[in-house]
């Protein structure tokens, strides 16, 4: 079996043909109802939020969605949420807490949008509110990385009780291109940067950052989409059932210990 390099996994994670968060939502959950707007500025199509059922249990879903083509990518802002997207996420997190619904997030983003309008509308504060909420929610939380997971834009939905990554997804402080540009002032050293960054699911599992890795291949042979989705659903259901047996005190203590160790 040929082991893929970190840079090869980066390229796979960015493929437009990969299963998207919406593909997983439509297959794994029932009766998804999307909620819109942050009640401050507008509705961000890059960050989807709503309600659904997981095996007849109501849950709140938050997902960062890229597009399949140029037109959809324009609509979704290439998977880079604006501040109002994170404000919407925060609103739905607090709503989930009010109605005792677990929160499940799907992440596929190169990072939060960094244009001047994002700064004007408080991007940093919006992400910080999400982090603050996730650290203290009274309901179980699970994050799932389906492709790219870049910078604070991904972290805003990933400070959860459990982190699950697809085999060919990544999670990092920034892109390998950005890393190479900052560290060496040379974006051509992207492959070298990817090797150093420890951004693949396997590497992060070894470091204890990630709790579960859902395989997408068997002996280098790609698995069927329905098989991957079924495996992911089983993993989410199993992890959620464990979290729901915990008292609120134990849930908070385990969450605190999980992130305190870093």
Protein backbone atom coordinates (compact mmCIF):
# COMPACT_ATOMS: atom_id res chain seq x y z
CA UNK A 1 0.00 0.00 0.00
CA UNK A 2 1.38 3.41 -1.01
CA UNK A 3 1.08 5.98 1.74
CA UNK A 4 -0.10 9.38 0.52
CA UNK A 5 2.04 12.38 1.37
CA UNK A 6 0.55 15.29 3.34
CA UNK A 7 0.62 17.46 0.22
CA UNK A 8 -1.28 14.80 -1.74
CA UNK A 9 -3.90 14.71 1.00
CA UNK A 10 -4.18 18.51 0.84
CA UNK A 11 -4.93 18.25 -2.87
CA UNK A 12 -7.55 15.54 -2.28
CA UNK A 13 -9.17 17.54 0.53
CA UNK A 14 -9.67 20.46 -1.87
CA UNK A 15 -11.21 18.46 -4.72
CA UNK A 16 -14.59 19.79 -5.83
CA UNK A 17 -15.77 16.21 -6.41
CA UNK A 18 -15.54 15.32 -2.70
CA UNK A 19 -18.67 14.70 -0.72
CA UNK A 20 -19.75 18.05 0.69
CA UNK A 21 -21.30 18.81 4.09
CA UNK A 22 -24.71 19.11 2.40
CA UNK A 23 -24.28 15.64 0.88
CA UNK A 24 -23.71 14.23 4.37
CA UNK A 25 -26.58 16.21 5.86
CA UNK A 26 -29.04 15.05 3.20
CA UNK A 27 -28.04 11.40 3.66
CA UNK A 28 -27.35 10.99 7.37
CA UNK A 29 -30.14 13.15 8.79
CA UNK A 30 -33.89 13.38 8.26
CA UNK A 31 -36.12 16.41 7.71
CA UNK A 32 -33.41 19.05 7.62
CA UNK A 33 -34.85 22.56 7.94
CA UNK A 34 -32.45 25.40 7.20
CA UNK A 35 -32.53 28.53 9.34
CA UNK A 36 -31.43 31.87 7.90
CA UNK A 37 -29.96 35.12 9.15
CA UNK A 38 -27.96 36.34 12.11
CA UNK A 39 -30.54 38.92 13.29
CA UNK A 40 -27.92 41.65 12.84
CA UNK A 41 -26.82 42.05 9.24
CA UNK A 42 -27.88 39.31 6.85
CA UNK A 43 -27.70 35.68 5.81
CA UNK A 44 -24.36 34.11 4.91
CA UNK A 45 -24.69 31.28 2.40
CA UNK A 46 -21.21 29.95 3.22
CA UNK A 47 -22.39 28.86 6.66
CA UNK A 48 -25.50 26.71 6.72
CA UNK A 49 -27.44 26.15 9.90
CA UNK A 50 -30.63 24.36 10.78
CA UNK A 51 -32.53 21.62 12.53
CA UNK A 52 -32.79 17.92 11.68
CA UNK A 53 -33.36 14.47 13.13
CA UNK A 54 -30.66 11.88 13.75
CA UNK A 55 -32.40 8.56 14.32
CA UNK A 56 -35.51 10.49 15.44
CA UNK A 57 -33.52 12.68 17.83
CA UNK A 58 -33.61 16.43 17.12
CA UNK A 59 -30.19 18.01 16.59
CA UNK A 60 -28.83 21.36 15.48
CA UNK A 61 -26.55 21.28 12.45
CA UNK A 62 -23.97 23.90 11.43
CA UNK A 63 -21.97 23.46 8.24
CA UNK A 64 -19.48 25.43 6.17
CA UNK A 65 -20.21 24.69 2.53
CA UNK A 66 -18.14 25.28 -0.60
CA UNK A 67 -19.53 25.28 -4.13
CA UNK A 68 -19.30 22.64 -6.85
CA UNK A 69 -18.71 25.17 -9.63
CA UNK A 70 -17.89 28.85 -10.06
CA UNK A 71 -21.50 30.01 -9.77
CA UNK A 72 -22.13 28.12 -6.56
CA UNK A 73 -18.73 29.11 -5.17
CA UNK A 74 -19.66 32.74 -5.71
CA UNK A 75 -22.87 32.13 -3.78
CA UNK A 76 -21.01 30.30 -0.99
CA UNK A 77 -18.05 32.71 -1.04
CA UNK A 78 -15.75 29.74 -1.75
CA UNK A 79 -16.52 28.32 1.70
CA UNK A 80 -15.17 31.36 3.58
CA UNK A 81 -17.86 32.62 5.98
CA UNK A 82 -18.46 36.29 6.69
CA UNK A 83 -18.97 37.53 10.27
CA UNK A 84 -22.74 37.17 9.88
CA UNK A 85 -22.21 33.46 9.21
CA UNK A 86 -20.54 33.01 12.56
CA UNK A 87 -23.16 35.22 14.21
CA UNK A 88 -25.80 32.88 12.76
CA UNK A 89 -23.87 29.90 14.11
CA UNK A 90 -23.72 31.49 17.55
CA UNK A 91 -27.46 32.18 17.48
CA UNK A 92 -28.22 28.56 16.61
CA UNK A 93 -25.80 27.23 19.23
CA UNK A 94 -27.63 29.14 21.94
CA UNK A 95 -30.98 28.04 20.53
CA UNK A 96 -29.79 24.42 20.66
CA UNK A 97 -28.84 24.88 24.29
CA UNK A 98 -32.25 26.34 25.10
CA UNK A 99 -34.06 23.35 23.61
CA UNK A 100 -31.50 20.73 24.71
CA UNK A 101 -30.45 19.72 21.19
CA UNK A 102 -26.94 18.34 20.53
CA UNK A 103 -24.86 20.42 18.11
CA UNK A 104 -23.18 18.74 15.13
CA UNK A 105 -20.90 20.79 12.90
CA UNK A 106 -19.48 20.05 9.44
CA UNK A 107 -16.33 21.88 8.39
CA UNK A 108 -14.91 22.47 4.92
CA UNK A 109 -13.27 25.87 4.66
CA UNK A 110 -9.92 27.42 3.73
CA UNK A 111 -10.65 29.95 6.49
CA UNK A 112 -12.94 32.83 7.37
CA UNK A 113 -13.32 35.61 4.82
CA UNK A 114 -10.62 38.21 5.44
CA UNK A 115 -11.79 41.18 3.37
CA UNK A 116 -12.10 44.68 4.76
CA UNK A 117 -15.87 44.34 5.13
CA UNK A 118 -15.35 41.31 7.38
CA UNK A 119 -13.12 43.39 9.63
CA UNK A 120 -15.67 46.22 9.61
CA UNK A 121 -18.39 43.82 10.75
CA UNK A 122 -16.31 42.23 13.49
CA UNK A 123 -14.98 38.92 12.16
CA UNK A 124 -12.69 38.31 15.12
CA UNK A 125 -15.42 39.01 17.65
CA UNK A 126 -17.90 36.76 15.82
CA UNK A 127 -15.46 33.84 15.83
CA UNK A 128 -14.62 34.50 19.48
CA UNK A 129 -18.33 34.35 20.38
CA UNK A 130 -18.59 30.92 18.77
CA UNK A 131 -15.55 29.68 20.68
CA UNK A 132 -16.91 31.05 23.93
CA UNK A 133 -20.31 29.43 23.31
CA UNK A 134 -18.89 26.02 22.39
CA UNK A 135 -16.65 25.99 25.45
CA UNK A 136 -19.63 26.39 27.74
CA UNK A 137 -22.64 24.80 26.01
CA UNK A 138 -24.74 22.50 28.19
CA UNK A 139 -25.36 20.07 25.31
CA UNK A 140 -23.01 17.57 23.59
CA UNK A 141 -21.10 18.84 20.56
CA UNK A 142 -19.41 17.01 17.68
CA UNK A 143 -17.33 18.46 14.82
CA UNK A 144 -16.77 16.66 11.51
CA UNK A 145 -14.06 17.69 9.04
CA UNK A 146 -15.05 16.72 5.51
CA UNK A 147 -12.32 18.51 3.50
CA UNK A 148 -10.31 21.60 4.39
CA UNK A 149 -10.18 22.93 7.90
CA UNK A 150 -8.29 26.19 7.86
CA UNK A 151 -7.41 28.64 10.62
CA UNK A 152 -9.89 30.30 12.98
CA UNK A 153 -12.61 29.92 10.39
CA UNK A 154 -12.59 26.18 11.07
CA UNK A 155 -11.79 26.44 14.78
CA UNK A 156 -14.93 28.50 15.34
CA UNK A 157 -17.01 25.33 14.81
CA UNK A 158 -14.47 22.81 16.12
CA UNK A 159 -14.12 23.50 19.85
CA UNK A 160 -16.31 20.47 20.48
CA UNK A 161 -16.52 17.45 22.76
CA UNK A 162 -15.58 15.13 19.91
CA UNK A 163 -13.70 15.80 16.65
CA UNK A 164 -14.12 13.42 13.72
CA UNK A 165 -12.13 13.70 10.50
CA UNK A 166 -12.60 12.03 7.16
CA UNK A 167 -9.45 10.19 6.10
CA UNK A 168 -8.52 12.72 3.43
CA UNK A 169 -9.42 15.90 5.28
CA UNK A 170 -7.02 18.40 6.84
CA UNK A 171 -7.02 20.73 9.86
CA UNK A 172 -4.37 23.43 10.26
CA UNK A 173 -3.57 26.92 11.48
CA UNK A 174 -3.43 28.15 7.86
CA UNK A 175 -2.84 26.80 4.37
CA UNK A 176 0.52 25.24 3.43
CA UNK A 177 0.92 28.05 0.89
CA UNK A 178 0.45 30.64 3.62
CA UNK A 179 2.77 28.77 5.97
CA UNK A 180 5.55 28.67 3.34
CA UNK A 181 5.06 32.32 2.46
CA UNK A 182 5.30 33.44 6.09
CA UNK A 183 8.08 31.12 7.27
CA UNK A 184 10.33 31.12 4.21
CA UNK A 185 8.92 33.96 2.06
CA UNK A 186 8.61 31.33 -0.65
CA UNK A 187 5.21 29.92 -1.60
CA UNK A 188 6.86 27.34 -3.86
CA UNK A 189 7.87 25.35 -0.75
CA UNK A 190 4.28 24.26 -0.18
CA UNK A 191 5.03 20.52 -0.16
CA UNK A 192 7.72 21.01 2.46
CA UNK A 193 5.32 23.07 4.55
CA UNK A 194 2.62 20.40 4.37
CA UNK A 195 5.12 17.83 5.64
CA UNK A 196 5.96 19.99 8.65
CA UNK A 197 2.49 21.14 9.62
CA UNK A 198 1.00 17.83 10.88
CA UNK A 199 -2.32 18.66 9.27
CA UNK A 200 -3.62 15.27 8.11
CA UNK A 201 -6.23 13.22 9.94
CA UNK A 202 -3.76 10.45 10.74
CA UNK A 203 -1.15 12.79 12.15
CA UNK A 204 -3.68 14.69 14.23
CA UNK A 205 -5.11 11.44 15.59
CA UNK A 206 -1.62 10.45 16.75
CA UNK A 207 -1.22 13.85 18.43
CA UNK A 208 -4.55 13.43 20.23
CA UNK A 209 -6.16 16.43 18.55
CA UNK A 210 -8.70 14.25 16.73
CA UNK A 211 -10.83 11.57 18.35
CA UNK A 212 -11.93 9.48 15.35
CA UNK A 213 -10.90 9.07 11.70
CA UNK A 214 -13.47 7.74 9.23
CA UNK A 215 -11.80 5.87 6.38
CA UNK A 216 -12.45 6.75 2.76
CA UNK A 217 -10.33 3.96 1.28
CA UNK A 218 -9.58 0.29 1.79
CA UNK A 219 -6.05 -0.68 0.71
CA UNK A 220 -5.89 2.46 -1.44
CA UNK A 221 -9.19 1.59 -3.15
CA UNK A 222 -11.79 4.36 -2.72
CA UNK A 223 -14.85 3.30 -0.76
CA UNK A 224 -18.35 3.88 -2.13
CA UNK A 225 -20.03 7.10 -0.99
CA UNK A 226 -22.88 5.28 0.73
CA UNK A 227 -20.37 3.16 2.68
CA UNK A 228 -18.48 6.25 3.88
CA UNK A 229 -21.71 7.94 4.91
CA UNK A 230 -22.92 4.86 6.76
CA UNK A 231 -19.60 4.64 8.64
CA UNK A 232 -19.75 8.31 9.53
CA UNK A 233 -23.31 8.02 10.76
CA UNK A 234 -22.42 5.04 12.95
CA UNK A 235 -19.49 6.96 14.41
CA UNK A 236 -21.57 10.06 15.15
CA UNK A 237 -24.39 8.04 16.73
CA UNK A 238 -21.93 6.10 18.88
CA UNK A 239 -20.05 9.17 20.08
CA UNK A 240 -23.24 11.09 20.75
CA UNK A 241 -24.71 8.23 22.79
CA UNK A 242 -21.61 8.21 24.98
CA UNK A 243 -21.71 11.97 25.50
CA UNK A 244 -25.39 11.89 26.41
CA UNK A 245 -24.72 9.54 29.32
CA UNK A 246 -22.56 12.18 31.00
CA UNK A 247 -23.82 14.59 33.62
CA UNK A 248 -23.45 18.27 32.82
CA UNK A 249 -20.59 18.51 35.30
CA UNK A 250 -18.73 15.59 33.71
CA UNK A 251 -19.41 16.94 30.21
CA UNK A 252 -17.85 20.27 31.10
CA UNK A 253 -14.94 18.67 32.98
CA UNK A 254 -14.07 16.43 30.03
CA UNK A 255 -14.36 19.32 27.58
CA UNK A 256 -12.10 21.46 29.74
CA UNK A 257 -9.52 18.68 30.13
CA UNK A 258 -9.58 17.95 26.39
CA UNK A 259 -8.43 21.44 25.45
CA UNK A 260 -6.43 22.24 28.55
CA UNK A 261 -3.88 19.54 27.63
CA UNK A 262 -2.80 21.53 24.58
